[in-house]
Every structure is written in structure tokens, then in C-alpha cells.
Amino acid sequence: MVSPLGRAGPALRAISCRHAVKPQPCTTWNYSNTNYVVLGLLIEKVTGGKYEQVVAQRVLRPLHLDETTFPGNDTEIRGPHAHSYGIVNGQPVDTTRWNPSVFWAAGDVITTTKDLDTFYAALLTGKLLEPAQQTELTRTTPVSTDYGLGVFVEKAPCGTTIIGHPGGVPGFASYAYSTPDLKRRAEFSISTGVGTGDPTNAYNKLINEIFC
């Protein structure tokens, strides 16, 4: 999808509205990138500003996250970075560069593990939210038993409670987790091969090694 920076949201919303809502609200829970697109549109509606500008003003600049950017239609990755490779017509192909605006508020972002660590440390220690909002951040419900507001509250394989979020786009995956007391934190990004297998088991083993 190629769309001007900041206009991907309405286009993605239009695509989602072509499909029926399922299941019925408040009966079960499923993770959905569409919800983050809707949140980005809500931010623009409430603030009157562009989603990227609002996040930069309220999060990136106060925390000095100087290596975090919203690429939009830009397919380039500045600075040292990993490459991803996929299998196309039976042959390995470099799949590093492509238009990420298709994810918009759900994942149109490039950052570093250093910036990711700084962000999560600030988020989980209450530097970004008011106390009432901070409580809601990690509050789960009988329906969403392992998900708060934008973060997972779950158990590592050994039973340790960890808070954070995995994420990925074709070719790249990032994991950021912390124990509630922040004594143990892990932020790592991995280049994954498109169409070459599911790396989830390997990620889980690594999380287990770090937190258990």
C-alpha cells in the first residue's frame, strides 16, 4: 500500500470496515492491528494533530528517543541494520526494504534496542502516564486474561510474570519484556526469513533463558 504519510489510517480503516465484526464484543478477545489503527485515528481526532507528530511531541522528544522514526513511505533504513531474507520462487531474496505504511499506527516505526529499552523503562515506571492510567495499563479482565492496554501481562515458561510486547512485520521481529520490578529486562530484535519457518519456539526459549 502506498499512501501519503498520515493518510494510511483512513485507508486501513476502510479496508477493515468491509468485513463483519466478529466475535460479539465483550465475549472473547483477539489481538488485532486494526485496533491500533483506530487508536491512531482517535489520537488525531482528539488532538487535532498528526499521529506521528503527537507521539514525537509527547514521547520521543521528552525521552530523547533520537533513533526512533516513522518511515511512512520511505523504504530506506538509515544507519547499521540487519537484513531479512525470504524465499521467492524458490530462491533467497533480500526483503529488507519495502513500504511500511501499510501498518501505520500498528507498526510503522523503526527504532533501536537502546531506544526500546528507554521507552519501556519510562512506561513501566509511570513517567509517561498519570497514576490512574498507569493502573489501567496492566489491568487485565476475565475476557483479556493476559492483556492490559497495549501491553501483555503474562507468564514466562518457568512462571515468572513478565510485562511487555512482541511485534513484527515481514522480515523483522522485536520483543520487549520486563519483570514488574524492572530488575530484569530484555529487548531484542531479530531478522526473520520470510517464508522460512516459524521462529516462535526459539523466541520462547530465549525469553525462558533470560527470565528463568
N, C-alpha and C. Protein backbone atom coordinates (compact mmCIF):
# COMPACT_ATOMS: atom_id res chain seq x y z
N MET A 1 0.84 -1.19 0.00
CA MET A 1 0.00 0.00 0.00
C MET A 1 0.88 1.24 0.00
N VAL A 2 0.65 2.15 -0.91
CA VAL A 2 1.38 3.40 -0.96
C VAL A 2 0.39 4.51 -0.68
N SER A 3 0.61 5.25 0.39
CA SER A 3 -0.29 6.33 0.73
C SER A 3 0.51 7.44 1.38
N PRO A 4 0.10 8.72 1.21
CA PRO A 4 0.83 9.82 1.82
C PRO A 4 0.94 9.64 3.31
N LEU A 5 2.05 10.10 3.88
CA LEU A 5 2.28 9.96 5.31
C LEU A 5 1.11 10.53 6.09
N GLY A 6 0.57 9.74 7.00
CA GLY A 6 -0.52 10.18 7.83
C GLY A 6 -1.90 9.86 7.26
N ARG A 7 -1.96 9.42 6.00
CA ARG A 7 -3.26 9.11 5.41
C ARG A 7 -3.48 7.62 5.31
N ALA A 8 -2.55 6.82 5.77
CA ALA A 8 -2.73 5.37 5.74
C ALA A 8 -3.86 4.95 6.67
N GLY A 9 -4.06 5.68 7.78
CA GLY A 9 -5.08 5.31 8.75
C GLY A 9 -6.47 5.19 8.15
N PRO A 10 -6.99 6.25 7.50
CA PRO A 10 -8.32 6.13 6.90
C PRO A 10 -8.41 5.01 5.86
N ALA A 11 -7.35 4.81 5.09
CA ALA A 11 -7.37 3.75 4.08
C ALA A 11 -7.47 2.38 4.74
N LEU A 12 -6.71 2.18 5.82
CA LEU A 12 -6.76 0.90 6.52
C LEU A 12 -8.10 0.70 7.22
N ARG A 13 -8.65 1.78 7.76
CA ARG A 13 -9.97 1.69 8.39
C ARG A 13 -11.02 1.28 7.36
N ALA A 14 -10.93 1.84 6.17
CA ALA A 14 -11.89 1.50 5.12
C ALA A 14 -11.81 0.02 4.76
N ILE A 15 -10.60 -0.51 4.70
CA ILE A 15 -10.43 -1.92 4.40
C ILE A 15 -11.06 -2.78 5.49
N SER A 16 -10.82 -2.42 6.75
CA SER A 16 -11.36 -3.22 7.87
C SER A 16 -12.88 -3.19 7.91
N CYS A 17 -13.47 -2.08 7.50
CA CYS A 17 -14.93 -1.95 7.58
C CYS A 17 -15.64 -2.77 6.51
N ARG A 18 -14.89 -3.35 5.59
CA ARG A 18 -15.51 -4.22 4.60
C ARG A 18 -15.85 -5.59 5.18
N HIS A 19 -15.34 -5.87 6.36
CA HIS A 19 -15.51 -7.18 6.97
C HIS A 19 -16.46 -7.10 8.16
N ALA A 20 -17.17 -8.17 8.39
CA ALA A 20 -18.10 -8.22 9.52
C ALA A 20 -17.34 -8.26 10.84
N VAL A 21 -17.92 -7.66 11.87
CA VAL A 21 -17.32 -7.68 13.20
C VAL A 21 -17.52 -9.06 13.81
N LYS A 22 -16.44 -9.64 14.30
CA LYS A 22 -16.55 -10.94 14.97
C LYS A 22 -15.42 -11.09 15.96
N PRO A 23 -15.66 -11.71 17.09
CA PRO A 23 -16.98 -12.15 17.58
C PRO A 23 -17.72 -10.97 18.21
N GLN A 24 -18.78 -11.26 18.96
CA GLN A 24 -19.52 -10.21 19.62
C GLN A 24 -18.64 -9.54 20.69
N PRO A 25 -18.73 -8.20 20.82
CA PRO A 25 -17.92 -7.50 21.83
C PRO A 25 -18.14 -8.06 23.23
N CYS A 26 -17.07 -8.06 24.01
CA CYS A 26 -17.08 -8.45 25.43
C CYS A 26 -17.32 -9.94 25.65
N THR A 27 -17.24 -10.74 24.61
CA THR A 27 -17.43 -12.19 24.79
C THR A 27 -16.11 -12.95 24.71
N THR A 28 -15.18 -12.44 23.96
CA THR A 28 -13.85 -13.04 23.87
C THR A 28 -12.89 -11.98 23.37
N TRP A 29 -11.61 -12.31 23.28
CA TRP A 29 -10.61 -11.31 22.94
C TRP A 29 -9.63 -11.87 21.93
N ASN A 30 -9.30 -11.05 20.95
CA ASN A 30 -8.27 -11.40 19.97
C ASN A 30 -7.43 -10.17 19.69
N TYR A 31 -6.14 -10.38 19.54
CA TYR A 31 -5.26 -9.26 19.18
C TYR A 31 -5.53 -8.84 17.75
N SER A 32 -5.53 -7.53 17.50
CA SER A 32 -5.81 -7.03 16.15
C SER A 32 -5.05 -5.74 15.89
N ASN A 33 -4.28 -5.71 14.80
CA ASN A 33 -3.61 -4.47 14.40
C ASN A 33 -4.61 -3.37 14.08
N THR A 34 -5.80 -3.75 13.61
CA THR A 34 -6.81 -2.75 13.27
C THR A 34 -7.14 -1.87 14.46
N ASN A 35 -7.12 -2.45 15.67
CA ASN A 35 -7.42 -1.65 16.86
C ASN A 35 -6.41 -0.52 17.06
N TYR A 36 -5.16 -0.78 16.71
CA TYR A 36 -4.14 0.26 16.84
C TYR A 36 -4.30 1.33 15.76
N VAL A 37 -4.77 0.94 14.60
CA VAL A 37 -5.07 1.92 13.55
C VAL A 37 -6.20 2.84 14.02
N VAL A 38 -7.23 2.25 14.61
CA VAL A 38 -8.34 3.04 15.16
C VAL A 38 -7.85 3.97 16.26
N LEU A 39 -6.95 3.48 17.10
CA LEU A 39 -6.38 4.32 18.16
C LEU A 39 -5.60 5.49 17.57
N GLY A 40 -4.84 5.24 16.51
CA GLY A 40 -4.12 6.33 15.86
C GLY A 40 -5.07 7.39 15.32
N LEU A 41 -6.19 6.96 14.72
CA LEU A 41 -7.19 7.89 14.23
C LEU A 41 -7.83 8.67 15.38
N LEU A 42 -8.05 7.99 16.52
CA LEU A 42 -8.63 8.65 17.68
C LEU A 42 -7.68 9.72 18.22
N ILE A 43 -6.39 9.41 18.24
CA ILE A 43 -5.40 10.39 18.69
C ILE A 43 -5.46 11.64 17.81
N GLU A 44 -5.58 11.44 16.50
CA GLU A 44 -5.65 12.58 15.60
C GLU A 44 -6.94 13.37 15.82
N LYS A 45 -8.05 12.66 16.08
CA LYS A 45 -9.33 13.33 16.29
C LYS A 45 -9.32 14.17 17.56
N VAL A 46 -8.76 13.62 18.64
CA VAL A 46 -8.77 14.30 19.93
C VAL A 46 -7.79 15.47 19.97
N THR A 47 -6.60 15.26 19.40
CA THR A 47 -5.54 16.29 19.49
C THR A 47 -5.57 17.29 18.35
N GLY A 48 -6.15 16.91 17.23
CA GLY A 48 -6.11 17.78 16.06
C GLY A 48 -4.79 17.76 15.33
N GLY A 49 -3.88 16.88 15.74
CA GLY A 49 -2.57 16.80 15.11
C GLY A 49 -2.36 15.45 14.43
N LYS A 50 -1.30 15.36 13.66
CA LYS A 50 -0.97 14.09 13.02
C LYS A 50 -0.46 13.11 14.08
N TYR A 51 -0.81 11.86 13.91
CA TYR A 51 -0.42 10.82 14.86
C TYR A 51 1.09 10.84 15.11
N GLU A 52 1.88 10.88 14.05
CA GLU A 52 3.34 10.84 14.20
C GLU A 52 3.86 12.05 14.97
N GLN A 53 3.27 13.21 14.72
CA GLN A 53 3.71 14.43 15.39
C GLN A 53 3.36 14.41 16.87
N VAL A 54 2.18 13.88 17.18
CA VAL A 54 1.74 13.81 18.58
C VAL A 54 2.64 12.88 19.38
N VAL A 55 2.95 11.71 18.82
CA VAL A 55 3.83 10.76 19.51
C VAL A 55 5.22 11.35 19.68
N ALA A 56 5.71 12.03 18.67
CA ALA A 56 7.04 12.65 18.77
C ALA A 56 7.06 13.70 19.88
N GLN A 57 6.00 14.52 19.96
CA GLN A 57 5.93 15.58 20.95
C GLN A 57 5.82 15.04 22.37
N ARG A 58 5.00 14.00 22.55
CA ARG A 58 4.68 13.54 23.90
C ARG A 58 5.57 12.40 24.39
N VAL A 59 6.23 11.70 23.47
CA VAL A 59 7.01 10.53 23.87
C VAL A 59 8.46 10.61 23.40
N LEU A 60 8.66 10.75 22.10
CA LEU A 60 10.01 10.65 21.57
C LEU A 60 10.92 11.76 22.08
N ARG A 61 10.49 13.00 21.97
CA ARG A 61 11.36 14.11 22.39
C ARG A 61 11.59 14.16 23.90
N PRO A 62 10.55 14.00 24.74
CA PRO A 62 10.81 14.02 26.19
C PRO A 62 11.76 12.92 26.66
N LEU A 63 11.72 11.75 26.00
CA LEU A 63 12.58 10.64 26.39
C LEU A 63 13.88 10.60 25.60
N HIS A 64 14.06 11.57 24.70
CA HIS A 64 15.27 11.64 23.85
C HIS A 64 15.46 10.36 23.04
N LEU A 65 14.38 9.89 22.45
CA LEU A 65 14.44 8.71 21.60
C LEU A 65 14.81 9.16 20.19
N ASP A 66 16.06 9.57 20.03
CA ASP A 66 16.51 10.20 18.80
C ASP A 66 16.70 9.22 17.65
N GLU A 67 16.71 7.92 17.97
CA GLU A 67 16.93 6.92 16.91
C GLU A 67 15.62 6.22 16.52
N THR A 68 14.50 6.81 16.90
CA THR A 68 13.19 6.25 16.58
C THR A 68 12.50 7.15 15.55
N THR A 69 12.05 6.55 14.46
CA THR A 69 11.43 7.32 13.38
C THR A 69 10.20 6.62 12.85
N PHE A 70 9.34 7.39 12.19
CA PHE A 70 8.19 6.85 11.48
C PHE A 70 8.49 6.97 9.99
N PRO A 71 8.83 5.88 9.33
CA PRO A 71 9.29 5.97 7.94
C PRO A 71 8.21 6.29 6.92
N GLY A 72 6.95 5.95 7.20
CA GLY A 72 5.91 6.21 6.21
C GLY A 72 6.19 5.46 4.92
N ASN A 73 6.26 6.18 3.81
CA ASN A 73 6.50 5.56 2.51
C ASN A 73 7.98 5.34 2.22
N ASP A 74 8.85 5.80 3.11
CA ASP A 74 10.29 5.69 2.88
C ASP A 74 10.74 4.24 3.08
N THR A 75 11.34 3.64 2.09
CA THR A 75 11.76 2.24 2.17
C THR A 75 13.17 2.08 2.68
N GLU A 76 13.88 3.18 2.91
CA GLU A 76 15.27 3.10 3.36
C GLU A 76 15.35 2.96 4.88
N ILE A 77 16.40 2.30 5.36
CA ILE A 77 16.69 2.21 6.78
C ILE A 77 18.06 2.85 7.00
N ARG A 78 18.09 3.95 7.71
CA ARG A 78 19.35 4.68 7.92
C ARG A 78 20.17 4.01 9.01
N GLY A 79 21.48 4.08 8.85
CA GLY A 79 22.39 3.54 9.87
C GLY A 79 22.54 2.04 9.75
N PRO A 80 23.40 1.46 10.57
CA PRO A 80 23.60 0.00 10.55
C PRO A 80 22.31 -0.73 10.88
N HIS A 81 22.02 -1.79 10.16
CA HIS A 81 20.79 -2.54 10.41
C HIS A 81 20.91 -3.95 9.85
N ALA A 82 20.11 -4.83 10.41
CA ALA A 82 20.07 -6.20 9.93
C ALA A 82 19.28 -6.27 8.63
N HIS A 83 19.54 -7.30 7.87
CA HIS A 83 18.79 -7.57 6.65
C HIS A 83 17.92 -8.80 6.87
N SER A 84 16.80 -8.84 6.18
CA SER A 84 15.97 -10.04 6.21
C SER A 84 15.95 -10.66 4.82
N TYR A 85 15.74 -11.96 4.79
CA TYR A 85 15.73 -12.67 3.52
C TYR A 85 14.54 -13.61 3.48
N GLY A 86 13.96 -13.71 2.31
CA GLY A 86 12.83 -14.60 2.13
C GLY A 86 13.02 -15.48 0.90
N ILE A 87 12.17 -16.45 0.78
CA ILE A 87 12.21 -17.34 -0.37
C ILE A 87 11.16 -16.90 -1.38
N VAL A 88 11.58 -16.51 -2.54
CA VAL A 88 10.69 -16.08 -3.62
C VAL A 88 10.99 -16.94 -4.84
N ASN A 89 9.97 -17.67 -5.29
CA ASN A 89 10.15 -18.58 -6.42
C ASN A 89 11.30 -19.56 -6.19
N GLY A 90 11.41 -19.98 -4.93
CA GLY A 90 12.43 -20.97 -4.59
C GLY A 90 13.82 -20.42 -4.38
N GLN A 91 13.99 -19.11 -4.48
CA GLN A 91 15.31 -18.50 -4.35
C GLN A 91 15.33 -17.49 -3.19
N PRO A 92 16.47 -17.40 -2.45
CA PRO A 92 16.56 -16.40 -1.38
C PRO A 92 16.64 -14.99 -1.96
N VAL A 93 15.84 -14.11 -1.40
CA VAL A 93 15.77 -12.72 -1.87
C VAL A 93 15.85 -11.78 -0.66
N ASP A 94 16.61 -10.70 -0.80
CA ASP A 94 16.69 -9.69 0.25
C ASP A 94 15.34 -8.98 0.34
N THR A 95 14.70 -9.09 1.50
CA THR A 95 13.37 -8.50 1.70
C THR A 95 13.39 -7.35 2.70
N THR A 96 14.56 -6.71 2.84
CA THR A 96 14.72 -5.68 3.87
C THR A 96 13.91 -4.44 3.60
N ARG A 97 13.90 -3.98 2.36
CA ARG A 97 13.29 -2.69 2.05
C ARG A 97 11.93 -2.85 1.39
N TRP A 98 10.92 -2.29 2.05
CA TRP A 98 9.57 -2.25 1.49
C TRP A 98 8.80 -1.16 2.20
N ASN A 99 7.65 -0.80 1.68
CA ASN A 99 6.86 0.31 2.20
C ASN A 99 6.13 -0.11 3.48
N PRO A 100 6.48 0.45 4.64
CA PRO A 100 5.86 0.02 5.91
C PRO A 100 4.58 0.76 6.28
N SER A 101 4.11 1.69 5.43
CA SER A 101 2.94 2.48 5.81
C SER A 101 1.68 1.64 5.92
N VAL A 102 1.71 0.41 5.39
CA VAL A 102 0.56 -0.47 5.49
C VAL A 102 0.20 -0.76 6.95
N PHE A 103 1.16 -0.58 7.88
CA PHE A 103 0.88 -0.84 9.30
C PHE A 103 0.50 0.42 10.07
N TRP A 104 0.89 1.56 9.61
CA TRP A 104 0.64 2.86 10.23
C TRP A 104 0.81 2.77 11.75
N ALA A 105 -0.23 3.11 12.54
CA ALA A 105 -0.08 3.17 13.99
C ALA A 105 0.17 1.82 14.64
N ALA A 106 0.00 0.74 13.89
CA ALA A 106 0.22 -0.59 14.44
C ALA A 106 1.67 -1.05 14.33
N GLY A 107 2.50 -0.37 13.52
CA GLY A 107 3.86 -0.87 13.39
C GLY A 107 4.73 -0.15 12.39
N ASP A 108 4.33 1.05 11.96
CA ASP A 108 5.15 1.82 11.03
C ASP A 108 6.17 2.62 11.84
N VAL A 109 7.20 1.92 12.33
CA VAL A 109 8.20 2.57 13.17
C VAL A 109 9.52 1.82 13.06
N ILE A 110 10.60 2.58 13.07
CA ILE A 110 11.94 2.00 13.12
C ILE A 110 12.62 2.52 14.38
N THR A 111 13.23 1.63 15.15
CA THR A 111 13.89 2.06 16.38
C THR A 111 15.10 1.19 16.64
N THR A 112 15.73 1.40 17.77
CA THR A 112 16.88 0.60 18.20
C THR A 112 16.56 -0.07 19.53
N THR A 113 17.31 -1.09 19.89
CA THR A 113 17.07 -1.74 21.17
C THR A 113 17.32 -0.77 22.32
N LYS A 114 18.24 0.17 22.17
CA LYS A 114 18.51 1.16 23.21
C LYS A 114 17.28 2.06 23.43
N ASP A 115 16.71 2.56 22.36
CA ASP A 115 15.51 3.39 22.49
C ASP A 115 14.34 2.58 23.03
N LEU A 116 14.24 1.34 22.60
CA LEU A 116 13.15 0.48 23.07
C LEU A 116 13.26 0.25 24.57
N ASP A 117 14.46 0.03 25.06
CA ASP A 117 14.67 -0.16 26.49
C ASP A 117 14.32 1.11 27.27
N THR A 118 14.73 2.27 26.74
CA THR A 118 14.41 3.54 27.39
C THR A 118 12.90 3.76 27.46
N PHE A 119 12.21 3.45 26.38
CA PHE A 119 10.77 3.64 26.33
C PHE A 119 10.07 2.76 27.36
N TYR A 120 10.39 1.48 27.40
CA TYR A 120 9.71 0.57 28.31
C TYR A 120 10.02 0.89 29.77
N ALA A 121 11.25 1.31 30.05
CA ALA A 121 11.59 1.70 31.42
C ALA A 121 10.74 2.89 31.85
N ALA A 122 10.55 3.87 30.96
CA ALA A 122 9.73 5.04 31.29
C ALA A 122 8.26 4.66 31.41
N LEU A 123 7.78 3.81 30.51
CA LEU A 123 6.38 3.41 30.53
C LEU A 123 6.03 2.65 31.80
N LEU A 124 6.86 1.70 32.19
CA LEU A 124 6.53 0.84 33.32
C LEU A 124 6.82 1.49 34.67
N THR A 125 7.54 2.60 34.70
CA THR A 125 7.79 3.29 35.96
C THR A 125 6.91 4.51 36.14
N GLY A 126 5.94 4.72 35.24
CA GLY A 126 4.99 5.80 35.42
C GLY A 126 5.44 7.16 34.94
N LYS A 127 6.49 7.23 34.12
CA LYS A 127 6.98 8.52 33.65
C LYS A 127 6.16 9.08 32.49
N LEU A 128 5.33 8.25 31.88
CA LEU A 128 4.55 8.71 30.73
C LEU A 128 3.07 8.86 31.04
N LEU A 129 2.59 8.22 32.12
CA LEU A 129 1.16 8.20 32.38
C LEU A 129 0.84 8.72 33.78
N GLU A 130 -0.39 9.21 33.93
CA GLU A 130 -0.88 9.56 35.25
C GLU A 130 -1.14 8.29 36.05
N PRO A 131 -1.17 8.38 37.40
CA PRO A 131 -1.33 7.17 38.22
C PRO A 131 -2.53 6.31 37.85
N ALA A 132 -3.68 6.92 37.59
CA ALA A 132 -4.87 6.14 37.24
C ALA A 132 -4.68 5.42 35.91
N GLN A 133 -4.04 6.10 34.95
CA GLN A 133 -3.76 5.47 33.66
C GLN A 133 -2.74 4.35 33.82
N GLN A 134 -1.78 4.56 34.71
CA GLN A 134 -0.77 3.54 34.94
C GLN A 134 -1.39 2.25 35.47
N THR A 135 -2.37 2.40 36.33
CA THR A 135 -3.07 1.23 36.87
C THR A 135 -3.80 0.48 35.76
N GLU A 136 -4.43 1.22 34.87
CA GLU A 136 -5.17 0.60 33.77
C GLU A 136 -4.24 -0.10 32.78
N LEU A 137 -3.01 0.38 32.68
CA LEU A 137 -2.07 -0.16 31.70
C LEU A 137 -1.91 -1.67 31.83
N THR A 138 -1.80 -2.15 33.04
CA THR A 138 -1.53 -3.57 33.27
C THR A 138 -2.73 -4.31 33.87
N ARG A 139 -3.90 -3.67 33.87
CA ARG A 139 -5.09 -4.34 34.41
C ARG A 139 -5.68 -5.25 33.34
N THR A 140 -5.79 -6.53 33.67
CA THR A 140 -6.42 -7.47 32.75
C THR A 140 -7.88 -7.67 33.15
N THR A 141 -8.63 -8.41 32.34
CA THR A 141 -10.04 -8.65 32.60
C THR A 141 -10.32 -10.14 32.47
N PRO A 142 -11.50 -10.60 32.89
CA PRO A 142 -11.84 -12.01 32.70
C PRO A 142 -11.83 -12.43 31.23
N VAL A 143 -12.02 -11.46 30.33
CA VAL A 143 -12.00 -11.77 28.90
C VAL A 143 -10.57 -11.71 28.36
N SER A 144 -9.89 -10.60 28.62
CA SER A 144 -8.49 -10.46 28.18
C SER A 144 -7.58 -10.78 29.36
N THR A 145 -7.37 -12.05 29.59
CA THR A 145 -6.68 -12.50 30.81
C THR A 145 -5.19 -12.20 30.83
N ASP A 146 -4.59 -11.94 29.68
CA ASP A 146 -3.15 -11.68 29.65
C ASP A 146 -2.80 -10.40 28.91
N TYR A 147 -3.78 -9.48 28.80
CA TYR A 147 -3.54 -8.26 28.03
C TYR A 147 -4.16 -7.08 28.73
N GLY A 148 -3.37 -6.03 28.94
CA GLY A 148 -3.87 -4.80 29.54
C GLY A 148 -4.23 -3.80 28.47
N LEU A 149 -3.62 -2.60 28.53
CA LEU A 149 -3.84 -1.59 27.50
C LEU A 149 -2.54 -1.41 26.72
N GLY A 150 -2.36 -2.23 25.70
CA GLY A 150 -1.17 -2.12 24.87
C GLY A 150 0.01 -2.93 25.34
N VAL A 151 -0.11 -3.62 26.45
CA VAL A 151 0.98 -4.48 26.93
C VAL A 151 0.41 -5.83 27.35
N PHE A 152 1.21 -6.85 27.17
CA PHE A 152 0.86 -8.19 27.65
C PHE A 152 1.35 -8.35 29.09
N VAL A 153 0.55 -8.99 29.91
CA VAL A 153 0.94 -9.37 31.27
C VAL A 153 0.82 -10.88 31.30
N GLU A 154 1.93 -11.55 31.19
CA GLU A 154 1.88 -13.00 31.00
C GLU A 154 2.98 -13.70 31.79
N LYS A 155 3.03 -14.99 31.65
CA LYS A 155 4.00 -15.79 32.36
C LYS A 155 5.05 -16.32 31.39
N ALA A 156 6.31 -16.21 31.82
CA ALA A 156 7.37 -16.89 31.10
C ALA A 156 7.19 -18.39 31.33
N PRO A 157 7.83 -19.23 30.52
CA PRO A 157 7.65 -20.67 30.67
C PRO A 157 7.86 -21.19 32.08
N CYS A 158 8.73 -20.53 32.86
CA CYS A 158 9.01 -21.00 34.22
C CYS A 158 8.05 -20.43 35.25
N GLY A 159 7.15 -19.53 34.85
CA GLY A 159 6.17 -18.99 35.77
C GLY A 159 6.41 -17.55 36.19
N THR A 160 7.56 -16.97 35.84
CA THR A 160 7.84 -15.58 36.18
C THR A 160 6.91 -14.65 35.42
N THR A 161 6.30 -13.67 36.11
CA THR A 161 5.45 -12.69 35.45
C THR A 161 6.30 -11.70 34.67
N ILE A 162 5.95 -11.50 33.42
CA ILE A 162 6.66 -10.53 32.59
C ILE A 162 5.64 -9.63 31.90
N ILE A 163 6.05 -8.39 31.67
CA ILE A 163 5.20 -7.38 31.06
C ILE A 163 5.92 -6.84 29.82
N GLY A 164 5.20 -6.73 28.73
CA GLY A 164 5.82 -6.19 27.53
C GLY A 164 5.01 -6.45 26.29
N HIS A 165 5.72 -6.56 25.18
CA HIS A 165 5.01 -6.71 23.91
C HIS A 165 5.95 -7.24 22.84
N PRO A 166 5.51 -8.27 22.12
CA PRO A 166 6.24 -8.68 20.92
C PRO A 166 5.63 -7.95 19.72
N GLY A 167 6.36 -7.89 18.66
CA GLY A 167 5.81 -7.27 17.47
C GLY A 167 6.61 -7.65 16.25
N GLY A 168 6.02 -7.54 15.10
CA GLY A 168 6.76 -7.91 13.91
C GLY A 168 6.09 -7.45 12.64
N VAL A 169 6.91 -7.26 11.64
CA VAL A 169 6.48 -7.04 10.27
C VAL A 169 7.24 -8.05 9.44
N PRO A 170 6.82 -8.32 8.22
CA PRO A 170 7.53 -9.33 7.43
C PRO A 170 9.04 -9.09 7.39
N GLY A 171 9.77 -10.07 7.90
CA GLY A 171 11.23 -9.98 7.87
C GLY A 171 11.87 -9.54 9.17
N PHE A 172 11.12 -8.89 10.06
CA PHE A 172 11.70 -8.38 11.30
C PHE A 172 10.76 -8.63 12.47
N ALA A 173 11.33 -8.93 13.63
CA ALA A 173 10.55 -9.12 14.84
C ALA A 173 11.27 -8.48 16.01
N SER A 174 10.51 -7.91 16.93
CA SER A 174 11.08 -7.28 18.12
C SER A 174 10.33 -7.76 19.35
N TYR A 175 11.08 -8.01 20.42
CA TYR A 175 10.50 -8.42 21.69
C TYR A 175 11.01 -7.46 22.77
N ALA A 176 10.11 -7.01 23.63
CA ALA A 176 10.49 -6.16 24.76
C ALA A 176 9.69 -6.60 25.97
N TYR A 177 10.38 -7.11 26.99
CA TYR A 177 9.71 -7.60 28.19
C TYR A 177 10.50 -7.20 29.42
N SER A 178 9.79 -7.09 30.53
CA SER A 178 10.40 -6.75 31.81
C SER A 178 9.64 -7.44 32.93
N THR A 179 10.34 -7.72 34.02
CA THR A 179 9.63 -8.12 35.22
C THR A 179 8.96 -6.87 35.80
N PRO A 180 7.88 -7.01 36.58
CA PRO A 180 7.19 -5.84 37.12
C PRO A 180 8.10 -4.89 37.90
N ASP A 181 9.12 -5.42 38.58
CA ASP A 181 10.03 -4.57 39.35
C ASP A 181 11.17 -4.00 38.50
N LEU A 182 11.20 -4.31 37.22
CA LEU A 182 12.21 -3.84 36.27
C LEU A 182 13.62 -4.35 36.58
N LYS A 183 13.76 -5.31 37.48
CA LYS A 183 15.09 -5.82 37.78
C LYS A 183 15.66 -6.64 36.64
N ARG A 184 14.76 -7.24 35.87
CA ARG A 184 15.20 -7.98 34.68
C ARG A 184 14.43 -7.49 33.48
N ARG A 185 15.16 -7.05 32.46
CA ARG A 185 14.53 -6.55 31.25
C ARG A 185 15.22 -7.17 30.05
N ALA A 186 14.48 -7.29 28.99
CA ALA A 186 15.04 -7.83 27.76
C ALA A 186 14.41 -7.14 26.56
N GLU A 187 15.23 -6.58 25.70
CA GLU A 187 14.78 -6.01 24.45
C GLU A 187 15.66 -6.59 23.36
N PHE A 188 15.06 -7.26 22.43
CA PHE A 188 15.87 -7.78 21.33
C PHE A 188 15.08 -7.78 20.03
N SER A 189 15.78 -7.52 18.97
CA SER A 189 15.20 -7.51 17.63
C SER A 189 15.90 -8.57 16.81
N ILE A 190 15.13 -9.23 15.97
CA ILE A 190 15.66 -10.35 15.21
C ILE A 190 15.21 -10.22 13.76
N SER A 191 16.14 -10.49 12.86
CA SER A 191 15.80 -10.56 11.45
C SER A 191 15.28 -11.95 11.16
N THR A 192 14.10 -12.03 10.60
CA THR A 192 13.49 -13.33 10.32
C THR A 192 13.32 -13.53 8.82
N GLY A 193 13.48 -14.72 8.39
CA GLY A 193 13.33 -15.02 6.98
C GLY A 193 11.87 -15.19 6.60
N VAL A 194 11.42 -14.48 5.59
CA VAL A 194 10.05 -14.58 5.15
C VAL A 194 9.84 -15.92 4.45
N GLY A 195 8.89 -16.69 4.96
CA GLY A 195 8.57 -17.96 4.33
C GLY A 195 9.55 -19.07 4.64
N THR A 196 10.36 -18.91 5.69
CA THR A 196 11.36 -19.92 6.01
C THR A 196 11.09 -20.63 7.33
N GLY A 197 9.92 -20.45 7.91
CA GLY A 197 9.61 -21.16 9.14
C GLY A 197 9.14 -20.23 10.24
N ASP A 198 8.63 -20.80 11.32
CA ASP A 198 8.10 -20.05 12.45
C ASP A 198 9.15 -20.01 13.57
N PRO A 199 9.67 -18.82 13.93
CA PRO A 199 10.71 -18.72 14.94
C PRO A 199 10.19 -18.63 16.37
N THR A 200 8.87 -18.78 16.59
CA THR A 200 8.28 -18.56 17.91
C THR A 200 8.92 -19.42 18.99
N ASN A 201 9.15 -20.69 18.72
CA ASN A 201 9.74 -21.57 19.72
C ASN A 201 11.12 -21.09 20.14
N ALA A 202 11.90 -20.60 19.20
CA ALA A 202 13.23 -20.09 19.51
C ALA A 202 13.13 -18.85 20.39
N TYR A 203 12.16 -17.96 20.09
CA TYR A 203 11.96 -16.77 20.91
C TYR A 203 11.60 -17.16 22.34
N ASN A 204 10.70 -18.12 22.48
CA ASN A 204 10.27 -18.55 23.81
C ASN A 204 11.43 -19.13 24.61
N LYS A 205 12.29 -19.87 23.96
CA LYS A 205 13.46 -20.42 24.64
C LYS A 205 14.38 -19.31 25.13
N LEU A 206 14.52 -18.27 24.30
CA LEU A 206 15.37 -17.15 24.69
C LEU A 206 14.77 -16.39 25.87
N ILE A 207 13.46 -16.15 25.83
CA ILE A 207 12.79 -15.49 26.95
C ILE A 207 12.92 -16.31 28.22
N ASN A 208 12.77 -17.62 28.10
CA ASN A 208 12.91 -18.50 29.25
C ASN A 208 14.32 -18.42 29.84
N GLU A 209 15.32 -18.34 28.97
CA GLU A 209 16.71 -18.24 29.43
C GLU A 209 16.96 -16.94 30.18
N ILE A 210 16.36 -15.86 29.69
CA ILE A 210 16.59 -14.54 30.30
C ILE A 210 15.87 -14.39 31.64
N PHE A 211 14.63 -14.84 31.70
CA PHE A 211 13.80 -14.55 32.87
C PHE A 211 13.72 -15.70 33.87
N CYS A 212 14.24 -16.85 33.50
CA CYS A 212 14.07 -18.01 34.39
C CYS A 212 15.41 -18.57 34.85
